[in-house]
Amino acid sequence: MVVYGAEGYGPAVAKGLRQATGVPTELVNHTSGTLLAKISAEAENPQWGVF
């Protein structure tokens, strides 16, 4: 599961998700503006599972 996180809470979310579900997680941590631009660019092919 790819987690897009900003504002410093991403690591805790990714860790909590991994611990609660056992699903491997990957964190992409940037500013919210950068992540929103990335999501927009990936519109037809999203690379994230949680934002």
PDB file of N, CA and C in Angstrom:
ATOM      1  N   MET A   1       0.856  -1.152   0.000  1.00  0.00           N
ATOM      2  CA  MET A   1       0.000   0.000   0.000  1.00  0.00           C
ATOM      3  C   MET A   1       0.906   1.219   0.000  1.00  0.00           C
ATOM      4  N   VAL A   2       0.656   2.125  -0.905  1.00  0.00           N
ATOM      5  CA  VAL A   2       1.426   3.363  -0.960  1.00  0.00           C
ATOM      6  C   VAL A   2       0.637   4.442  -0.230  1.00  0.00           C
ATOM      7  N   VAL A   3       1.288   5.050   0.748  1.00  0.00           N
ATOM      8  CA  VAL A   3       0.683   6.104   1.552  1.00  0.00           C
ATOM      9  C   VAL A   3       1.329   7.426   1.157  1.00  0.00           C
ATOM     10  N   TYR A   4       0.527   8.383   0.696  1.00  0.00           N
ATOM     11  CA  TYR A   4       1.009   9.729   0.443  1.00  0.00           C
ATOM     12  C   TYR A   4       0.741  10.528   1.709  1.00  0.00           C
ATOM     13  N   GLY A   5       1.775  11.087   2.301  1.00  0.00           N
ATOM     14  CA  GLY A   5       1.607  11.821   3.545  1.00  0.00           C
ATOM     15  C   GLY A   5       2.307  13.157   3.526  1.00  0.00           C
ATOM     16  N   ALA A   6       1.708  14.120   4.232  1.00  0.00           N
ATOM     17  CA  ALA A   6       2.271  15.457   4.376  1.00  0.00           C
ATOM     18  C   ALA A   6       2.074  15.907   5.819  1.00  0.00           C
ATOM     19  N   GLU A   7       2.646  16.998   6.145  1.00  0.00           N
ATOM     20  CA  GLU A   7       2.456  17.618   7.455  1.00  0.00           C
ATOM     21  C   GLU A   7       3.005  16.781   8.610  1.00  0.00           C
ATOM     22  N   GLY A   8       3.845  15.806   8.336  1.00  0.00           N
ATOM     23  CA  GLY A   8       4.521  15.071   9.393  1.00  0.00           C
ATOM     24  C   GLY A   8       3.783  13.877   9.976  1.00  0.00           C
ATOM     25  N   TYR A   9       2.541  13.651   9.595  1.00  0.00           N
ATOM     26  CA  TYR A   9       1.802  12.524  10.170  1.00  0.00           C
ATOM     27  C   TYR A   9       1.911  11.251   9.333  1.00  0.00           C
ATOM     28  N   GLY A  10       2.491  11.319   8.156  1.00  0.00           N
ATOM     29  CA  GLY A  10       2.607  10.176   7.257  1.00  0.00           C
ATOM     30  C   GLY A  10       3.282   8.954   7.862  1.00  0.00           C
ATOM     31  N   PRO A  11       4.430   9.125   8.539  1.00  0.00           N
ATOM     32  CA  PRO A  11       5.086   7.951   9.112  1.00  0.00           C
ATOM     33  C   PRO A  11       4.205   7.204  10.123  1.00  0.00           C
ATOM     34  N   ALA A  12       3.477   7.938  10.941  1.00  0.00           N
ATOM     35  CA  ALA A  12       2.603   7.288  11.931  1.00  0.00           C
ATOM     36  C   ALA A  12       1.448   6.558  11.251  1.00  0.00           C
ATOM     37  N   VAL A  13       0.890   7.164  10.202  1.00  0.00           N
ATOM     38  CA  VAL A  13      -0.209   6.529   9.475  1.00  0.00           C
ATOM     39  C   VAL A  13       0.272   5.246   8.807  1.00  0.00           C
ATOM     40  N   ALA A  14       1.414   5.319   8.123  1.00  0.00           N
ATOM     41  CA  ALA A  14       1.949   4.141   7.435  1.00  0.00           C
ATOM     42  C   ALA A  14       2.265   3.026   8.432  1.00  0.00           C
ATOM     43  N   LYS A  15       2.874   3.378   9.544  1.00  0.00           N
ATOM     44  CA  LYS A  15       3.210   2.382  10.562  1.00  0.00           C
ATOM     45  C   LYS A  15       1.943   1.763  11.166  1.00  0.00           C
ATOM     46  N   GLY A  16       0.960   2.595  11.484  1.00  0.00           N
ATOM     47  CA  GLY A  16      -0.296   2.102  12.051  1.00  0.00           C
ATOM     48  C   GLY A  16      -1.039   1.194  11.091  1.00  0.00           C
ATOM     49  N   LEU A  17      -1.060   1.574   9.829  1.00  0.00           N
ATOM     50  CA  LEU A  17      -1.713   0.739   8.814  1.00  0.00           C
ATOM     51  C   LEU A  17      -1.023  -0.614   8.698  1.00  0.00           C
ATOM     52  N   ARG A  18       0.304  -0.586   8.672  1.00  0.00           N
ATOM     53  CA  ARG A  18       1.086  -1.822   8.564  1.00  0.00           C
ATOM     54  C   ARG A  18       0.849  -2.718   9.784  1.00  0.00           C
ATOM     55  N   GLN A  19       0.836  -2.123  10.971  1.00  0.00           N
ATOM     56  CA  GLN A  19       0.635  -2.905  12.194  1.00  0.00           C
ATOM     57  C   GLN A  19      -0.792  -3.451  12.288  1.00  0.00           C
ATOM     58  N   ALA A  20      -1.768  -2.669  11.883  1.00  0.00           N
ATOM     59  CA  ALA A  20      -3.165  -3.082  12.007  1.00  0.00           C
ATOM     60  C   ALA A  20      -3.577  -4.127  10.983  1.00  0.00           C
ATOM     61  N   THR A  21      -2.966  -4.070   9.795  1.00  0.00           N
ATOM     62  CA  THR A  21      -3.423  -4.948   8.716  1.00  0.00           C
ATOM     63  C   THR A  21      -2.395  -5.979   8.272  1.00  0.00           C
ATOM     64  N   GLY A  22      -1.123  -5.726   8.563  1.00  0.00           N
ATOM     65  CA  GLY A  22      -0.063  -6.597   8.074  1.00  0.00           C
ATOM     66  C   GLY A  22       0.298  -6.341   6.619  1.00  0.00           C
ATOM     67  N   VAL A  23      -0.348  -5.349   6.004  1.00  0.00           N
ATOM     68  CA  VAL A  23      -0.082  -5.011   4.610  1.00  0.00           C
ATOM     69  C   VAL A  23       1.207  -4.193   4.534  1.00  0.00           C
ATOM     70  N   PRO A  24       2.145  -4.594   3.693  1.00  0.00           N
ATOM     71  CA  PRO A  24       3.363  -3.792   3.530  1.00  0.00           C
ATOM     72  C   PRO A  24       2.997  -2.388   3.041  1.00  0.00           C
ATOM     73  N   THR A  25       3.650  -1.388   3.599  1.00  0.00           N
ATOM     74  CA  THR A  25       3.367  -0.009   3.217  1.00  0.00           C
ATOM     75  C   THR A  25       4.637   0.691   2.759  1.00  0.00           C
ATOM     76  N   GLU A  26       4.440   1.635   1.857  1.00  0.00           N
ATOM     77  CA  GLU A  26       5.521   2.498   1.385  1.00  0.00           C
ATOM     78  C   GLU A  26       5.035   3.928   1.572  1.00  0.00           C
ATOM     79  N   LEU A  27       5.845   4.768   2.181  1.00  0.00           N
ATOM     80  CA  LEU A  27       5.474   6.150   2.439  1.00  0.00           C
ATOM     81  C   LEU A  27       6.125   7.067   1.418  1.00  0.00           C
ATOM     82  N   VAL A  28       5.309   7.918   0.812  1.00  0.00           N
ATOM     83  CA  VAL A  28       5.790   9.004  -0.034  1.00  0.00           C
ATOM     84  C   VAL A  28       5.441  10.271   0.736  1.00  0.00           C
ATOM     85  N   ASN A  29       6.451  10.944   1.274  1.00  0.00           N
ATOM     86  CA  ASN A  29       6.256  12.075   2.172  1.00  0.00           C
ATOM     87  C   ASN A  29       6.747  13.354   1.501  1.00  0.00           C
ATOM     88  N   HIS A  30       5.816  14.265   1.217  1.00  0.00           N
ATOM     89  CA  HIS A  30       6.129  15.555   0.594  1.00  0.00           C
ATOM     90  C   HIS A  30       5.203  16.605   1.194  1.00  0.00           C
ATOM     91  N   THR A  31       5.295  17.818   0.689  1.00  0.00           N
ATOM     92  CA  THR A  31       4.345  18.845   1.100  1.00  0.00           C
ATOM     93  C   THR A  31       2.985  18.535   0.487  1.00  0.00           C
ATOM     94  N   SER A  32       1.936  19.090   1.057  1.00  0.00           N
ATOM     95  CA  SER A  32       0.591  18.806   0.550  1.00  0.00           C
ATOM     96  C   SER A  32       0.423  19.292  -0.888  1.00  0.00           C
ATOM     97  N   GLY A  33       0.992  20.441  -1.242  1.00  0.00           N
ATOM     98  CA  GLY A  33       0.896  20.943  -2.605  1.00  0.00           C
ATOM     99  C   GLY A  33       1.561  20.017  -3.607  1.00  0.00           C
ATOM    100  N   THR A  34       2.725  19.510  -3.253  1.00  0.00           N
ATOM    101  CA  THR A  34       3.439  18.576  -4.121  1.00  0.00           C
ATOM    102  C   THR A  34       2.636  17.294  -4.304  1.00  0.00           C
ATOM    103  N   LEU A  35       2.063  16.792  -3.223  1.00  0.00           N
ATOM    104  CA  LEU A  35       1.269  15.560  -3.312  1.00  0.00           C
ATOM    105  C   LEU A  35      -0.008  15.768  -4.127  1.00  0.00           C
ATOM    106  N   LEU A  36      -0.653  16.901  -3.966  1.00  0.00           N
ATOM    107  CA  LEU A  36      -1.855  17.159  -4.759  1.00  0.00           C
ATOM    108  C   LEU A  36      -1.518  17.261  -6.246  1.00  0.00           C
ATOM    109  N   ALA A  37      -0.389  17.867  -6.579  1.00  0.00           N
ATOM    110  CA  ALA A  37       0.051  17.926  -7.976  1.00  0.00           C
ATOM    111  C   ALA A  37       0.355  16.526  -8.492  1.00  0.00           C
ATOM    112  N   LYS A  38       0.975  15.701  -7.654  1.00  0.00           N
ATOM    113  CA  LYS A  38       1.300  14.325  -8.042  1.00  0.00           C
ATOM    114  C   LYS A  38       0.018  13.518  -8.278  1.00  0.00           C
ATOM    115  N   ILE A  39      -0.962  13.667  -7.400  1.00  0.00           N
ATOM    116  CA  ILE A  39      -2.241  12.974  -7.559  1.00  0.00           C
ATOM    117  C   ILE A  39      -2.927  13.419  -8.849  1.00  0.00           C
ATOM    118  N   SER A  40      -2.904  14.698  -9.112  1.00  0.00           N
ATOM    119  CA  SER A  40      -3.513  15.223 -10.337  1.00  0.00           C
ATOM    120  C   SER A  40      -2.821  14.657 -11.575  1.00  0.00           C
ATOM    121  N   ALA A  41      -1.511  14.593 -11.551  1.00  0.00           N
ATOM    122  CA  ALA A  41      -0.751  14.072 -12.684  1.00  0.00           C
ATOM    123  C   ALA A  41      -1.001  12.575 -12.892  1.00  0.00           C
ATOM    124  N   GLU A  42      -1.342  11.873 -11.816  1.00  0.00           N
ATOM    125  CA  GLU A  42      -1.581  10.425 -11.883  1.00  0.00           C
ATOM    126  C   GLU A  42      -3.061  10.093 -12.092  1.00  0.00           C
ATOM    127  N   ALA A  43      -3.846  11.048 -12.510  1.00  0.00           N
ATOM    128  CA  ALA A  43      -5.308  10.903 -12.567  1.00  0.00           C
ATOM    129  C   ALA A  43      -5.774   9.602 -13.219  1.00  0.00           C
ATOM    130  N   GLU A  44      -5.177   9.221 -14.316  1.00  0.00           N
ATOM    131  CA  GLU A  44      -5.596   8.013 -15.029  1.00  0.00           C
ATOM    132  C   GLU A  44      -4.875   6.751 -14.545  1.00  0.00           C
ATOM    133  N   ASN A  45      -3.845   6.936 -13.734  1.00  0.00           N
ATOM    134  CA  ASN A  45      -3.054   5.808 -13.251  1.00  0.00           C
ATOM    135  C   ASN A  45      -2.564   6.093 -11.831  1.00  0.00           C
ATOM    136  N   PRO A  46      -3.471   6.132 -10.854  1.00  0.00           N
ATOM    137  CA  PRO A  46      -3.072   6.470  -9.490  1.00  0.00           C
ATOM    138  C   PRO A  46      -2.044   5.492  -8.928  1.00  0.00           C
ATOM    139  N   GLN A  47      -1.074   6.045  -8.224  1.00  0.00           N
ATOM    140  CA  GLN A  47      -0.006   5.241  -7.624  1.00  0.00           C
ATOM    141  C   GLN A  47      -0.138   5.131  -6.123  1.00  0.00           C
ATOM    142  N   TRP A  48      -1.187   5.717  -5.561  1.00  0.00           N
ATOM    143  CA  TRP A  48      -1.353   5.772  -4.113  1.00  0.00           C
ATOM    144  C   TRP A  48      -2.586   4.985  -3.671  1.00  0.00           C
ATOM    145  N   GLY A  49      -2.593   4.613  -2.411  1.00  0.00           N
ATOM    146  CA  GLY A  49      -3.727   3.904  -1.847  1.00  0.00           C
ATOM    147  C   GLY A  49      -4.371   4.707  -0.727  1.00  0.00           C
ATOM    148  N   VAL A  50      -3.582   5.524  -0.032  1.00  0.00           N
ATOM    149  CA  VAL A  50      -4.073   6.343   1.070  1.00  0.00           C
ATOM    150  C   VAL A  50      -3.404   7.695   0.959  1.00  0.00           C
ATOM    151  N   PHE A  51      -4.202   8.754   1.109  1.00  0.00           N
ATOM    152  CA  PHE A  51      -3.666  10.125   1.090  1.00  0.00           C
ATOM    153  C   PHE A  51      -4.087  10.812   2.347  1.00  0.00           C
TER     154      PHE A  51
END
